[in-house]
Amino acid sequence: MSLEKLRRKYHQQIFEQLLFIDQDGVPSNADKHSQLSVALAKGIADNIAIEATSDKTSGQTSGKSFEKLTADFINQSFALLNHLRSGDYELFIGKSIVEFEQYEHLATLTEALKTNRELKATLGEYLINPDIVIGRKPIADTIINQFQLIIEDEAIAKLSPLRYTNSKKLILHASISCKWTIRSDRSQNARTEGLDS
């Protein structure tokens, strides 16, 4: 399936399962109290040009459904493009970034913040739990050396998390903020995720 067809299918699922237009013509992903939000949501819906047929669902349910549809779309798209960036990748919904190689030190920091009030007052306690993350599995030396001997000495690349012998943890490849509606608090969340990732 082409990316264009995959994207069209993704949009179709969103319009069938999530997008509801109320009697005033306001899409369900808009903040109805914000003219700009309503205008943007209407513009997106018009541009995609699929009729919204869904019954209205709660914001919490919509958000979880949007994450699932988006994760499915990313997973399928990623599979089509694996030859461009080969590797063994896994996609997760709601996995904490402290579980990835690059950010495991944040677990230690979080524990320190629990017991140190001064540190907590200075740094705060906001730890990001992204909506969707993609992690790459580390590679065994046998795979690295599959076509020719690249690593023969254990002293070579001994700090690289890409080598399975150095680390078993996933390497964070992508962090995706997936919000069904955009409000100022959610926009800040996406901004923070972008800065920290």
Protein backbone atom coordinates (compact mmCIF):
# COMPACT_ATOMS: atom_id res chain seq x y z
CA MET A 1 0.00 0.00 0.00
CA SER A 2 1.31 3.48 -0.83
CA LEU A 3 1.77 6.16 1.82
CA GLU A 4 -0.96 8.19 0.15
CA LYS A 5 -3.47 5.33 0.46
CA LEU A 6 -2.37 4.61 4.02
CA ARG A 7 -2.84 8.26 4.94
CA ARG A 8 -6.27 8.35 3.31
CA LYS A 9 -7.28 5.25 5.29
CA TYR A 10 -6.04 6.90 8.51
CA HIS A 11 -8.08 10.04 7.80
CA GLN A 12 -11.14 7.93 6.94
CA GLN A 13 -10.91 6.10 10.28
CA ILE A 14 -10.62 9.40 12.16
CA PHE A 15 -13.66 10.81 10.39
CA GLU A 16 -15.69 7.63 10.95
CA GLN A 17 -14.73 7.04 14.58
CA LEU A 18 -13.79 10.38 16.13
CA LEU A 19 -14.81 13.51 14.29
CA PHE A 20 -18.24 14.86 15.11
CA ILE A 21 -19.65 18.14 13.81
CA ASP A 22 -22.21 19.67 16.21
CA GLN A 23 -25.36 21.56 15.22
CA ASP A 24 -23.38 24.82 15.13
CA GLY A 25 -20.88 23.33 12.68
CA VAL A 26 -18.08 23.06 15.27
CA PRO A 27 -15.80 20.01 14.87
CA SER A 28 -15.28 17.89 18.00
CA ASN A 29 -11.52 18.47 17.96
CA ALA A 30 -11.97 22.25 18.33
CA ASP A 31 -12.10 24.34 21.48
CA LYS A 32 -15.56 25.80 20.84
CA HIS A 33 -14.72 28.83 23.01
CA SER A 34 -11.85 29.82 20.71
CA GLN A 35 -12.65 31.27 17.28
CA LEU A 36 -9.15 30.43 16.06
CA SER A 37 -9.42 26.80 17.23
CA VAL A 38 -12.80 26.42 15.51
CA ALA A 39 -11.50 28.00 12.30
CA LEU A 40 -8.43 25.75 12.26
CA ALA A 41 -10.46 22.59 12.95
CA LYS A 42 -12.97 23.48 10.22
CA GLY A 43 -10.12 24.22 7.80
CA ILE A 44 -8.48 20.86 8.46
CA ALA A 45 -11.78 18.99 8.06
CA ASP A 46 -12.55 20.85 4.83
CA ASN A 47 -9.06 20.22 3.46
CA ILE A 48 -9.24 16.47 4.15
CA ALA A 49 -12.68 16.47 2.49
CA ILE A 50 -14.24 13.45 4.15
CA GLU A 51 -17.70 13.65 5.66
CA ALA A 52 -17.76 13.37 9.46
CA THR A 53 -20.24 10.68 10.47
CA SER A 54 -19.27 9.78 14.04
CA ASP A 55 -21.44 10.07 17.13
CA LYS A 56 -19.92 12.32 19.73
CA THR A 57 -17.61 10.57 22.19
CA SER A 58 -16.03 11.87 25.37
CA GLY A 59 -12.73 13.72 25.15
CA GLN A 60 -10.90 11.02 27.11
CA THR A 61 -12.24 8.25 24.87
CA SER A 62 -11.46 10.30 21.75
CA GLY A 63 -7.90 10.92 22.91
CA LYS A 64 -7.20 7.21 23.49
CA SER A 65 -8.81 6.26 20.17
CA PHE A 66 -6.77 8.94 18.38
CA GLU A 67 -3.56 7.56 19.93
CA LYS A 68 -4.44 4.02 18.79
CA LEU A 69 -5.32 5.08 15.22
CA THR A 70 -2.19 7.21 15.00
CA ALA A 71 0.02 4.43 16.38
CA ASP A 72 -1.42 2.00 13.81
CA PHE A 73 -0.77 4.52 11.01
CA ILE A 74 2.82 5.13 12.17
CA ASN A 75 3.51 1.41 12.54
CA GLN A 76 2.29 0.67 9.01
CA SER A 77 4.12 3.68 7.55
CA PHE A 78 7.32 2.76 9.37
CA ALA A 79 7.18 -0.77 7.96
CA LEU A 80 6.99 0.64 4.42
CA LEU A 81 10.11 2.76 5.01
CA ASN A 82 12.28 0.31 6.96
CA HIS A 83 14.66 -0.10 4.02
CA LEU A 84 15.59 3.59 4.39
CA ARG A 85 16.56 3.25 8.05
CA SER A 86 16.95 -0.41 8.78
CA GLY A 87 16.75 -1.79 12.27
CA ASP A 88 14.42 -3.50 14.68
CA TYR A 89 11.98 -0.90 16.02
CA GLU A 90 9.13 -1.11 18.52
CA LEU A 91 6.26 1.32 18.96
CA PHE A 92 4.59 1.95 22.33
CA ILE A 93 1.68 4.01 23.62
CA GLY A 94 2.35 5.67 26.97
CA LYS A 95 5.83 4.27 27.67
CA SER A 96 7.95 6.51 29.89
CA ILE A 97 11.14 7.90 28.38
CA VAL A 98 13.12 6.75 31.45
CA GLU A 99 12.88 3.24 30.01
CA PHE A 100 15.11 4.24 27.09
CA GLU A 101 18.90 4.30 27.04
CA GLN A 102 19.28 8.06 26.60
CA TYR A 103 16.96 8.97 29.47
CA GLU A 104 17.46 6.26 32.09
CA HIS A 105 19.26 8.83 34.29
CA LEU A 106 15.93 10.64 34.72
CA ALA A 107 14.68 7.76 36.89
CA THR A 108 17.50 8.52 39.32
CA LEU A 109 16.67 12.22 39.21
CA THR A 110 12.99 11.49 39.87
CA GLU A 111 13.90 9.46 42.94
CA ALA A 112 16.19 12.25 44.18
CA LEU A 113 13.37 14.79 43.76
CA LYS A 114 11.09 12.71 45.98
CA THR A 115 13.44 13.04 48.95
CA ASN A 116 14.98 16.48 48.41
CA ARG A 117 12.57 19.43 48.76
CA GLU A 118 15.12 22.04 47.69
CA LEU A 119 15.97 20.15 44.54
CA LYS A 120 12.28 19.62 43.82
CA ALA A 121 11.57 23.34 44.26
CA THR A 122 14.40 24.22 41.89
CA LEU A 123 13.80 21.63 39.17
CA GLY A 124 10.11 20.85 39.55
CA GLU A 125 8.73 17.37 39.14
CA TYR A 126 7.41 17.25 35.60
CA LEU A 127 8.59 14.06 33.91
CA ILE A 128 7.36 13.57 30.38
CA ASN A 129 5.39 10.48 29.48
CA PRO A 130 4.95 10.83 25.72
CA ASP A 131 1.81 9.58 24.02
CA ILE A 132 3.64 7.46 21.44
CA VAL A 133 7.30 6.47 21.35
CA ILE A 134 9.40 4.45 18.95
CA GLY A 135 12.45 2.61 20.24
CA ARG A 136 15.21 0.86 18.35
CA LYS A 137 16.58 -2.39 19.70
CA PRO A 138 20.36 -2.62 20.16
CA ILE A 139 22.20 -4.84 17.67
CA ALA A 140 24.18 -7.99 18.37
CA ASP A 141 27.79 -8.02 17.18
CA THR A 142 26.96 -10.99 14.95
CA ILE A 143 24.59 -8.73 12.99
CA ILE A 144 27.08 -5.84 12.90
CA ASN A 145 29.71 -8.27 11.56
CA GLN A 146 27.27 -10.04 9.24
CA PHE A 147 28.92 -9.07 5.95
CA GLN A 148 32.45 -8.40 7.12
CA LEU A 149 34.39 -8.17 10.35
CA ILE A 150 33.75 -4.66 11.67
CA ILE A 151 34.08 -5.17 15.42
CA GLU A 152 36.72 -7.69 16.44
CA ASP A 153 38.09 -6.04 19.56
CA GLU A 154 35.93 -5.64 22.68
CA ALA A 155 37.63 -2.28 23.31
CA ILE A 156 36.00 -0.81 20.18
CA ALA A 157 32.70 1.08 20.57
CA LYS A 158 32.30 -0.16 24.13
CA LEU A 159 30.12 2.80 25.13
CA SER A 160 27.80 2.73 22.12
CA PRO A 161 24.23 1.84 23.13
CA LEU A 162 23.71 0.50 19.62
CA ARG A 163 25.74 -2.60 20.57
CA TYR A 164 23.70 -5.17 22.48
CA THR A 165 26.78 -6.17 24.50
CA ASN A 166 26.89 -2.63 25.95
CA SER A 167 23.19 -2.08 26.67
CA LYS A 168 20.00 -4.10 26.47
CA LYS A 169 17.78 -0.99 26.67
CA LEU A 170 15.86 0.38 23.73
CA ILE A 171 17.22 3.53 22.11
CA LEU A 172 14.61 6.27 21.79
CA HIS A 173 14.08 6.95 18.10
CA ALA A 174 10.96 9.14 18.19
CA SER A 175 8.63 10.74 20.71
CA ILE A 176 5.22 11.70 19.33
CA SER A 177 2.73 14.01 21.00
CA CYS A 178 -0.76 12.90 20.01
CA LYS A 179 -3.51 15.27 21.16
CA TRP A 180 -7.05 15.11 19.77
CA THR A 181 -7.75 18.71 20.75
CA ILE A 182 -5.30 21.56 21.14
CA ARG A 183 -5.61 23.77 24.19
CA SER A 184 -2.95 25.97 25.73
CA ASP A 185 -2.02 23.38 28.39
CA ARG A 186 -1.66 20.63 25.80
CA SER A 187 0.36 22.88 23.53
CA GLN A 188 2.81 23.41 26.39
CA ASN A 189 3.09 19.65 26.79
CA ALA A 190 4.00 19.21 23.12
CA ARG A 191 6.49 22.09 23.37
CA THR A 192 8.18 20.53 26.41
CA GLU A 193 8.35 17.13 24.73
CA GLY A 194 9.99 18.70 21.70
CA LEU A 195 12.58 20.49 23.81
CA ASP A 196 13.42 17.46 25.94
CA SER A 197 13.51 14.79 23.25
